[in-house]
Amino acid sequence: MGSLSPARIASGLRRRLLRWTGIEPHRIDRRRFVAEAAPMQLPRSSPLKRTPPRAPEHRQPGYTDAYDDHSLFYDVFWRDGELVFVGPPLANLAAETLGALRFDGQPTGRLARRLQFNRVDITTFDCPHRPRRVDLDIGGSRLAAHVSEDESAVFAGTKALITLSRNNDLRWIEDWVDFYVRAHGVDAVLLYDNGSTAYSPRDLLRRIAAVPGIRAAVVVAWPFAFGPGEDPTGTMWDSDYCQYAMLEHARRRFVRDAAAIFQVDIDELIVTPGGGSVADLLGQSPAGALHFPGRWMRYVDVTGTPAPRLHRSHRHFVDDGNAAAPKWIAIPSRVPDDVQMGIHDFLGGDFAPTRIDHPMLRHFRAISTNWKYDRSRPEPFDPDRHLPDAEWIAEMRRIGWTA
């Protein structure tokens, strides 16, 4: 047998470090690193499948291929005497899955607690000591996962951006981070990479961490199926688990002790009335959360030579009543554990974020990979239709984005 190459030896050491400690070995430092999830997924060949929530007659073409019927958990991590599992709804697989879990080879011997949210299950077990691994024998398959590390200390006291992204241009991401640093005092980024093919998580981390003002940056490799969208009638959203689980995972493993979290996408920037940090408005909220509407920003060709497709190239909107979907920011410790952090609002309970009527969110139409439809082409300028957004233009000047 020939000698092992240095690369193979290093790879083996990295795997052993992860298995023994749960600590990711490929970090720039303790506050800038790529984090891996520890999923438990049924083999594609398994006879066991999650039953889709949508009746066959309501499934659009491609629904079955896009639907995640095999992920039991996206990640398992230990924090404060609890073992936490985050994933899609266990649905018909719940009893068989939870009854067969083993911690370091031993039966759990504990009663599971489940929060069954909209498109997400969070399952916890009392576990005084952190096990190294979790095992599961189910449907003739043996599954195993290392136990991930609680990383909440990385983001404690920060103002953190959170989003899910796939293949967005690195310049867009850099500008997105830079804007929030300049305009709102953000100093941390938690970005879930949904299986990008245009660059690696490591490349993404380097770009984010290099933005001046960022003191904590984590890219989470999150390569799970995004899931099918709405049904043909446009009224049914029930099968896209990935992003909903991402938010609850972020809240529990990473940002529970953050001073504020900004739950906004790469194509979304917050502009407050009169300028200034939205964190100041958040501090005045009795609930510790703000919910606000959005405005679509248009990529308009005014001169006949389109500007580069960037956030700052969008300066106009159309006053047609077509508002962009609302978003929110929050102090995570103020949101009750049984209230779900949804993509556009908070779900469940009587939690009441402060609702703002002014369209603070700007949603930039052409900052898109066109995964739904082509939004990349500039619109010919129509002075009767395209209105300059004075607040946005003033904000760019204030933060130094324009001369």
Protein backbone atom coordinates (compact mmCIF):
# COMPACT_ATOMS: atom_id res chain seq x y z
CA MET A 1 0.00 0.00 0.00
CA GLY A 2 1.39 3.42 -0.97
CA SER A 3 1.83 6.25 1.48
CA LEU A 4 -1.01 8.69 2.00
CA SER A 5 -0.74 12.13 0.46
CA PRO A 6 -0.57 15.20 2.74
CA ALA A 7 -4.00 16.28 1.43
CA ARG A 8 -5.59 12.96 2.41
CA ILE A 9 -3.93 13.04 5.84
CA ALA A 10 -5.21 16.61 6.41
CA SER A 11 -8.68 15.61 5.26
CA GLY A 12 -8.74 12.72 7.70
CA LEU A 13 -7.61 14.93 10.56
CA ARG A 14 -10.37 17.44 9.76
CA ARG A 15 -13.01 14.70 9.79
CA ARG A 16 -11.76 13.35 13.13
CA LEU A 17 -11.70 16.82 14.68
CA LEU A 18 -15.29 17.39 13.60
CA ARG A 19 -16.41 13.95 14.84
CA TRP A 20 -14.68 14.25 18.23
CA THR A 21 -15.38 17.89 19.08
CA GLY A 22 -18.12 19.16 16.77
CA ILE A 23 -15.87 22.16 16.03
CA GLU A 24 -15.43 23.09 12.40
CA PRO A 25 -11.71 23.04 11.53
CA HIS A 26 -11.82 25.43 8.56
CA ARG A 27 -12.08 28.80 10.33
CA ILE A 28 -10.37 32.09 9.70
CA ASP A 29 -10.74 32.67 13.45
CA ARG A 30 -13.29 32.09 16.20
CA ARG A 31 -15.60 34.79 14.84
CA ARG A 32 -15.20 34.19 11.11
CA PHE A 33 -15.79 30.68 9.82
CA VAL A 34 -17.80 28.31 7.66
CA ALA A 35 -20.19 26.18 9.71
CA GLU A 36 -21.57 22.81 8.69
CA ALA A 37 -24.95 21.43 9.65
CA ALA A 38 -25.33 17.84 10.88
CA PRO A 39 -28.30 16.48 8.93
CA MET A 40 -30.07 13.16 9.27
CA GLN A 41 -31.62 12.14 5.94
CA LEU A 42 -33.24 8.97 4.71
CA PRO A 43 -31.65 7.40 1.65
CA ARG A 44 -33.49 8.13 -1.57
CA SER A 45 -34.07 4.37 -1.87
CA SER A 46 -35.79 4.14 1.53
CA PRO A 47 -39.41 2.98 1.48
CA LEU A 48 -40.10 5.58 4.16
CA LYS A 49 -41.03 9.04 2.88
CA ARG A 50 -42.57 12.16 4.33
CA THR A 51 -46.15 12.43 3.10
CA PRO A 52 -46.58 15.71 1.19
CA PRO A 53 -49.12 18.10 2.74
CA ARG A 54 -50.59 18.96 -0.65
CA ALA A 55 -53.15 16.76 -2.41
CA PRO A 56 -52.07 15.53 -5.87
CA GLU A 57 -54.62 17.67 -7.67
CA HIS A 58 -53.03 20.81 -6.20
CA ARG A 59 -49.43 20.00 -7.15
CA GLN A 60 -47.87 21.95 -9.98
CA PRO A 61 -45.52 20.32 -12.52
CA GLY A 62 -42.20 19.55 -10.85
CA TYR A 63 -43.68 19.47 -7.34
CA THR A 64 -42.57 15.92 -6.56
CA ASP A 65 -38.99 16.49 -7.71
CA ALA A 66 -38.71 19.71 -5.68
CA TYR A 67 -40.32 18.32 -2.51
CA ASP A 68 -38.05 17.21 0.36
CA ASP A 69 -39.50 13.89 1.47
CA HIS A 70 -36.33 12.46 3.03
CA SER A 71 -34.75 15.03 5.40
CA LEU A 72 -35.62 14.18 9.00
CA PHE A 73 -33.43 16.88 10.59
CA TYR A 74 -31.28 19.58 9.04
CA ASP A 75 -29.10 19.92 12.13
CA VAL A 76 -28.69 18.73 15.72
CA PHE A 77 -26.79 20.78 18.29
CA TRP A 78 -26.34 20.95 22.03
CA ARG A 79 -26.93 24.05 24.15
CA ASP A 80 -27.44 24.65 27.86
CA GLY A 81 -28.32 21.07 28.78
CA GLU A 82 -30.57 20.49 25.78
CA LEU A 83 -30.12 18.60 22.54
CA VAL A 84 -31.93 20.51 19.78
CA PHE A 85 -33.09 19.06 16.45
CA VAL A 86 -34.30 21.43 13.72
CA GLY A 87 -35.87 20.26 10.49
CA PRO A 88 -38.96 19.96 8.33
CA PRO A 89 -42.24 18.72 9.81
CA LEU A 90 -41.73 15.09 10.83
CA ALA A 91 -45.38 14.48 9.93
CA ASN A 92 -46.03 10.75 9.45
CA LEU A 93 -42.43 9.91 10.41
CA ALA A 94 -42.53 11.44 13.90
CA ALA A 95 -43.28 8.43 16.11
CA GLU A 96 -40.88 6.06 14.36
CA THR A 97 -38.09 8.65 14.25
CA LEU A 98 -38.24 9.97 17.81
CA GLY A 99 -38.61 6.48 19.30
CA ALA A 100 -35.45 5.20 17.62
CA LEU A 101 -32.95 7.98 18.41
CA ARG A 102 -29.78 7.03 20.29
CA PHE A 103 -27.32 9.42 21.93
CA ASP A 104 -23.78 8.01 21.90
CA GLY A 105 -25.33 4.60 21.30
CA GLN A 106 -27.72 4.78 24.25
CA PRO A 107 -31.53 5.07 24.14
CA THR A 108 -32.67 8.60 24.89
CA GLY A 109 -34.73 7.57 27.92
CA ARG A 110 -36.22 11.05 27.76
CA LEU A 111 -39.45 12.59 26.62
CA ALA A 112 -39.13 14.75 23.52
CA ARG A 113 -40.58 18.25 23.47
CA ARG A 114 -41.79 19.43 20.08
CA LEU A 115 -42.63 22.85 18.72
CA GLN A 116 -44.61 22.20 15.55
CA PHE A 117 -44.40 25.46 13.66
CA ASN A 118 -45.49 26.34 10.16
CA ARG A 119 -43.25 24.18 7.95
CA VAL A 120 -40.74 23.56 10.78
CA ASP A 121 -40.34 21.12 13.67
CA ILE A 122 -38.07 21.92 16.62
CA THR A 123 -37.52 18.90 18.87
CA THR A 124 -35.58 19.11 22.14
CA PHE A 125 -34.42 16.59 24.73
CA ASP A 126 -33.02 17.28 28.19
CA CYS A 127 -29.38 16.24 27.93
CA PRO A 128 -27.06 17.38 30.76
CA HIS A 129 -23.90 16.40 28.87
CA ARG A 130 -23.20 16.93 25.20
CA PRO A 131 -23.09 13.64 23.29
CA ARG A 132 -20.62 13.27 20.45
CA ARG A 133 -23.09 11.75 18.03
CA VAL A 134 -26.70 10.82 17.43
CA ASP A 135 -27.72 7.55 15.76
CA LEU A 136 -30.99 6.41 14.28
CA ASP A 137 -32.05 3.00 12.91
CA ILE A 138 -35.17 3.51 10.84
CA GLY A 139 -36.78 1.72 7.91
CA GLY A 140 -33.79 -0.56 7.45
CA SER A 141 -31.36 2.38 7.32
CA ARG A 142 -28.76 3.39 9.89
CA LEU A 143 -28.27 7.16 10.14
CA ALA A 144 -25.69 9.06 12.18
CA ALA A 145 -24.80 12.68 12.79
CA HIS A 146 -22.20 14.45 14.88
CA VAL A 147 -23.59 16.96 17.37
CA SER A 148 -22.95 20.54 16.29
CA GLU A 149 -21.70 23.29 18.54
CA ASP A 150 -23.74 26.11 20.06
CA GLU A 151 -22.30 29.25 18.42
CA SER A 152 -24.43 31.89 20.17
CA ALA A 153 -21.38 33.47 21.83
CA VAL A 154 -20.09 34.51 18.39
CA PHE A 155 -23.07 36.83 17.87
CA ALA A 156 -23.73 37.94 21.46
CA GLY A 157 -24.38 41.69 21.56
CA THR A 158 -24.06 42.15 17.79
CA LYS A 159 -26.38 43.66 15.21
CA ALA A 160 -26.59 40.79 12.77
CA LEU A 161 -27.78 40.34 9.20
CA ILE A 162 -29.44 36.98 8.47
CA THR A 163 -30.39 35.58 5.09
CA LEU A 164 -30.50 32.54 2.81
CA SER A 165 -28.71 32.93 -0.52
CA ARG A 166 -27.80 30.89 -3.58
CA ASN A 167 -25.45 32.09 -6.33
CA ASN A 168 -26.06 35.78 -5.74
CA ASP A 169 -23.29 37.92 -7.21
CA LEU A 170 -20.51 38.48 -4.69
CA ARG A 171 -20.51 42.22 -5.46
CA TRP A 172 -24.19 42.38 -4.56
CA ILE A 173 -23.53 40.59 -1.28
CA GLU A 174 -20.59 42.84 -0.47
CA ASP A 175 -22.69 45.97 -1.18
CA TRP A 176 -25.58 44.57 0.88
CA VAL A 177 -23.29 44.11 3.88
CA ASP A 178 -21.57 47.47 3.35
CA PHE A 179 -24.90 49.31 3.24
CA TYR A 180 -26.09 47.86 6.55
CA VAL A 181 -22.77 48.63 8.22
CA ARG A 182 -22.88 52.25 7.06
CA ALA A 183 -26.60 52.91 7.47
CA HIS A 184 -27.55 50.84 10.52
CA GLY A 185 -24.39 49.94 12.42
CA VAL A 186 -24.58 46.24 11.61
CA ASP A 187 -21.41 44.45 12.69
CA ALA A 188 -22.16 40.76 12.04
CA VAL A 189 -23.41 38.54 9.21
CA LEU A 190 -24.96 35.08 9.34
CA LEU A 191 -25.45 33.87 5.78
CA TYR A 192 -26.87 30.45 4.91
CA ASP A 193 -25.54 29.30 1.55
CA ASN A 194 -28.16 27.16 -0.17
CA GLY A 195 -25.80 25.09 -2.31
CA SER A 196 -24.21 27.80 -4.47
CA THR A 197 -22.32 26.56 -7.53
CA ALA A 198 -20.80 29.90 -8.56
CA TYR A 199 -18.38 29.98 -5.59
CA SER A 200 -17.55 28.09 -2.42
CA PRO A 201 -18.74 28.94 1.12
CA ARG A 202 -15.12 29.79 1.88
CA ASP A 203 -14.99 32.31 -0.99
CA LEU A 204 -18.22 33.82 0.26
CA LEU A 205 -16.89 34.08 3.80
CA ARG A 206 -13.74 35.89 2.68
CA ARG A 207 -15.78 38.49 0.78
CA ILE A 208 -18.12 39.14 3.71
CA ALA A 209 -15.43 39.18 6.39
CA ALA A 210 -13.40 41.75 4.40
CA VAL A 211 -16.13 44.42 4.63
CA PRO A 212 -14.92 47.11 7.07
CA GLY A 213 -16.94 47.11 10.28
CA ILE A 214 -17.80 43.39 10.31
CA ARG A 215 -16.49 41.72 13.46
CA ALA A 216 -18.37 38.40 13.18
CA ALA A 217 -19.10 36.52 9.94
CA VAL A 218 -20.41 32.97 9.61
CA VAL A 219 -21.41 31.19 6.41
CA VAL A 220 -23.54 28.11 7.08
CA ALA A 221 -23.47 25.43 4.40
CA TRP A 222 -27.20 24.72 3.98
CA PRO A 223 -27.50 22.54 0.84
CA PHE A 224 -31.07 21.37 1.36
CA ALA A 225 -33.88 21.44 -1.20
CA PHE A 226 -35.59 24.82 -1.16
CA GLY A 227 -38.91 23.13 -1.87
CA PRO A 228 -41.80 23.72 -4.26
CA GLY A 229 -43.53 27.07 -4.41
CA GLU A 230 -47.18 28.01 -4.52
CA ASP A 231 -49.87 25.87 -6.11
CA PRO A 232 -51.30 26.76 -9.55
CA THR A 233 -54.02 28.93 -7.97
CA GLY A 234 -51.43 31.06 -6.15
CA THR A 235 -53.07 30.49 -2.76
CA MET A 236 -51.26 27.51 -1.23
CA TRP A 237 -47.75 27.69 0.29
CA ASP A 238 -47.08 24.63 2.42
CA SER A 239 -44.16 22.57 1.10
CA ASP A 240 -41.08 24.85 1.10
CA TYR A 241 -39.37 23.95 4.36
CA CYS A 242 -35.78 25.10 3.85
CA GLN A 243 -35.98 28.84 4.58
CA TYR A 244 -38.48 28.54 7.41
CA ALA A 245 -36.24 26.03 9.19
CA MET A 246 -33.21 28.22 8.50
CA LEU A 247 -34.67 31.10 10.50
CA GLU A 248 -35.50 29.00 13.54
CA HIS A 249 -32.10 27.30 13.32
CA ALA A 250 -30.35 30.69 13.20
CA ARG A 251 -32.32 31.90 16.19
CA ARG A 252 -31.46 28.89 18.33
CA ARG A 253 -27.90 27.97 17.38
CA PHE A 254 -26.41 31.38 16.53
CA VAL A 255 -28.21 34.66 17.31
CA ARG A 256 -30.33 34.19 20.42
CA ASP A 257 -28.11 36.67 22.33
CA ALA A 258 -27.69 39.22 19.52
CA ALA A 259 -28.66 42.81 20.25
CA ALA A 260 -30.69 42.90 17.02
CA ILE A 261 -31.26 40.73 13.97
CA PHE A 262 -32.06 42.05 10.49
CA GLN A 263 -33.98 39.40 8.57
CA VAL A 264 -33.56 40.73 5.03
CA ASP A 265 -32.57 39.27 1.66
CA ILE A 266 -29.66 40.32 -0.56
CA ASP A 267 -32.04 42.44 -2.68
CA GLU A 268 -33.57 44.25 0.31
CA LEU A 269 -32.27 47.40 2.01
CA ILE A 270 -33.96 49.29 4.86
CA VAL A 271 -34.30 53.07 4.56
CA THR A 272 -35.75 54.89 7.55
CA PRO A 273 -37.73 58.14 7.19
CA GLY A 274 -35.23 60.98 7.38
CA GLY A 275 -32.27 58.59 7.46
CA GLY A 276 -30.58 57.11 10.50
CA SER A 277 -30.34 53.65 12.01
CA VAL A 278 -33.43 51.48 12.21
CA ALA A 279 -31.95 50.11 15.45
CA ASP A 280 -32.97 53.40 17.10
CA LEU A 281 -36.59 52.73 16.13
CA LEU A 282 -36.25 49.15 17.35
CA GLY A 283 -35.17 50.41 20.76
CA GLN A 284 -38.46 52.31 21.02
CA SER A 285 -40.62 49.26 20.25
CA PRO A 286 -42.46 47.85 23.30
CA ALA A 287 -42.21 44.37 21.79
CA GLY A 288 -38.60 44.64 20.68
CA ALA A 289 -39.59 44.03 17.06
CA LEU A 290 -40.50 46.13 14.03
CA HIS A 291 -42.63 45.08 11.07
CA PHE A 292 -42.72 47.30 7.98
CA PRO A 293 -43.87 47.29 4.35
CA GLY A 294 -41.69 47.51 1.27
CA ARG A 295 -41.37 49.29 -2.04
CA TRP A 296 -40.20 47.81 -5.33
CA MET A 297 -37.26 49.71 -6.77
CA ARG A 298 -36.95 49.69 -10.57
CA TYR A 299 -33.82 49.28 -12.67
CA VAL A 300 -34.44 52.05 -15.24
CA ASP A 301 -32.40 53.01 -18.30
CA VAL A 302 -32.51 56.81 -18.29
CA THR A 303 -29.60 57.64 -20.61
CA GLY A 304 -29.69 54.85 -23.19
CA THR A 305 -26.65 53.21 -21.61
CA PRO A 306 -27.79 51.13 -18.62
CA ALA A 307 -25.78 51.50 -15.42
CA PRO A 308 -24.26 48.33 -13.93
CA ARG A 309 -26.89 46.14 -12.29
CA LEU A 310 -26.36 47.16 -8.67
CA HIS A 311 -28.51 48.35 -5.76
CA ARG A 312 -27.35 51.92 -6.27
CA SER A 313 -28.42 51.79 -9.94
CA HIS A 314 -32.06 51.55 -8.84
CA ARG A 315 -33.37 55.08 -8.23
CA HIS A 316 -37.01 54.95 -9.32
CA PHE A 317 -40.25 53.33 -8.27
CA VAL A 318 -43.73 53.06 -9.75
CA ASP A 319 -46.65 54.25 -7.63
CA ASP A 320 -49.02 51.48 -8.73
CA GLY A 321 -50.05 50.07 -5.36
CA ASN A 322 -47.93 46.95 -5.86
CA ALA A 323 -46.07 46.92 -2.53
CA ALA A 324 -43.14 44.61 -1.87
CA ALA A 325 -43.66 41.95 0.79
CA PRO A 326 -43.10 43.20 4.35
CA LYS A 327 -40.13 42.25 6.53
CA TRP A 328 -39.06 42.66 10.15
CA ILE A 329 -36.16 43.18 12.53
CA ALA A 330 -36.12 42.12 16.17
CA ILE A 331 -34.28 41.69 19.44
CA PRO A 332 -34.33 37.88 19.46
CA SER A 333 -34.42 37.48 23.25
CA ARG A 334 -37.68 39.47 23.29
CA VAL A 335 -39.51 37.07 20.95
CA PRO A 336 -41.23 34.26 22.91
CA ASP A 337 -39.93 30.78 22.16
CA ASP A 338 -43.35 29.57 21.03
CA VAL A 339 -43.72 32.41 18.50
CA GLN A 340 -42.31 31.53 15.10
CA MET A 341 -39.99 33.87 13.26
CA GLY A 342 -41.56 33.72 9.81
CA ILE A 343 -40.13 35.14 6.62
CA HIS A 344 -42.53 38.08 6.43
CA ASP A 345 -44.08 38.19 9.91
CA PHE A 346 -44.22 36.53 13.32
CA LEU A 347 -46.55 33.54 13.57
CA GLY A 348 -48.51 32.24 16.54
CA GLY A 349 -49.23 33.54 20.02
CA ASP A 350 -50.20 37.11 20.84
CA PHE A 351 -46.80 38.65 20.08
CA ALA A 352 -47.35 42.12 18.64
CA PRO A 353 -44.41 43.74 16.81
CA THR A 354 -44.55 47.47 16.25
CA ARG A 355 -46.08 47.92 12.81
CA ILE A 356 -44.90 50.83 10.70
CA ASP A 357 -46.94 52.15 7.77
CA HIS A 358 -44.08 53.85 5.95
CA PRO A 359 -42.45 51.68 3.23
CA MET A 360 -39.00 51.46 4.79
CA LEU A 361 -37.87 48.35 2.91
CA ARG A 362 -36.54 48.86 -0.62
CA HIS A 363 -36.75 45.70 -2.73
CA PHE A 364 -34.39 45.98 -5.71
CA ARG A 365 -35.99 44.34 -8.68
CA ALA A 366 -32.93 43.51 -10.80
CA ILE A 367 -30.76 42.24 -7.92
CA SER A 368 -31.78 38.68 -8.68
CA THR A 369 -30.48 35.44 -10.12
CA ASN A 370 -33.84 35.16 -11.94
CA TRP A 371 -34.69 31.90 -10.21
CA LYS A 372 -38.39 32.72 -10.48
CA TYR A 373 -38.45 34.88 -13.62
CA ASP A 374 -36.14 37.26 -15.48
CA ARG A 375 -35.81 40.54 -13.58
CA SER A 376 -32.43 41.56 -14.98
CA ARG A 377 -33.35 43.82 -17.89
CA PRO A 378 -33.57 47.60 -17.42
CA GLU A 379 -36.89 49.29 -18.09
CA PRO A 380 -37.03 52.13 -20.62
CA PHE A 381 -37.49 55.38 -18.71
CA ASP A 382 -41.02 56.78 -18.69
CA PRO A 383 -41.15 60.16 -16.87
CA ASP A 384 -44.89 59.81 -16.33
CA ARG A 385 -44.45 56.41 -14.68
CA HIS A 386 -41.03 56.20 -13.06
CA LEU A 387 -40.76 58.40 -9.96
CA PRO A 388 -37.41 59.20 -8.31
CA ASP A 389 -37.17 57.87 -4.76
CA ALA A 390 -35.97 60.97 -2.92
CA GLU A 391 -35.53 59.17 0.41
CA TRP A 392 -33.35 56.47 -1.12
CA ILE A 393 -31.25 58.97 -3.08
CA ALA A 394 -30.74 61.04 0.09
CA GLU A 395 -29.76 57.91 2.02
CA MET A 396 -27.13 56.98 -0.55
CA ARG A 397 -25.63 60.45 -0.23
CA ARG A 398 -25.71 60.24 3.56
CA ILE A 399 -23.73 56.99 3.71
CA GLY A 400 -21.29 57.93 0.94
CA TRP A 401 -22.63 55.75 -1.86
CA THR A 402 -22.89 58.68 -4.31
CA ALA A 403 -20.80 61.76 -5.00
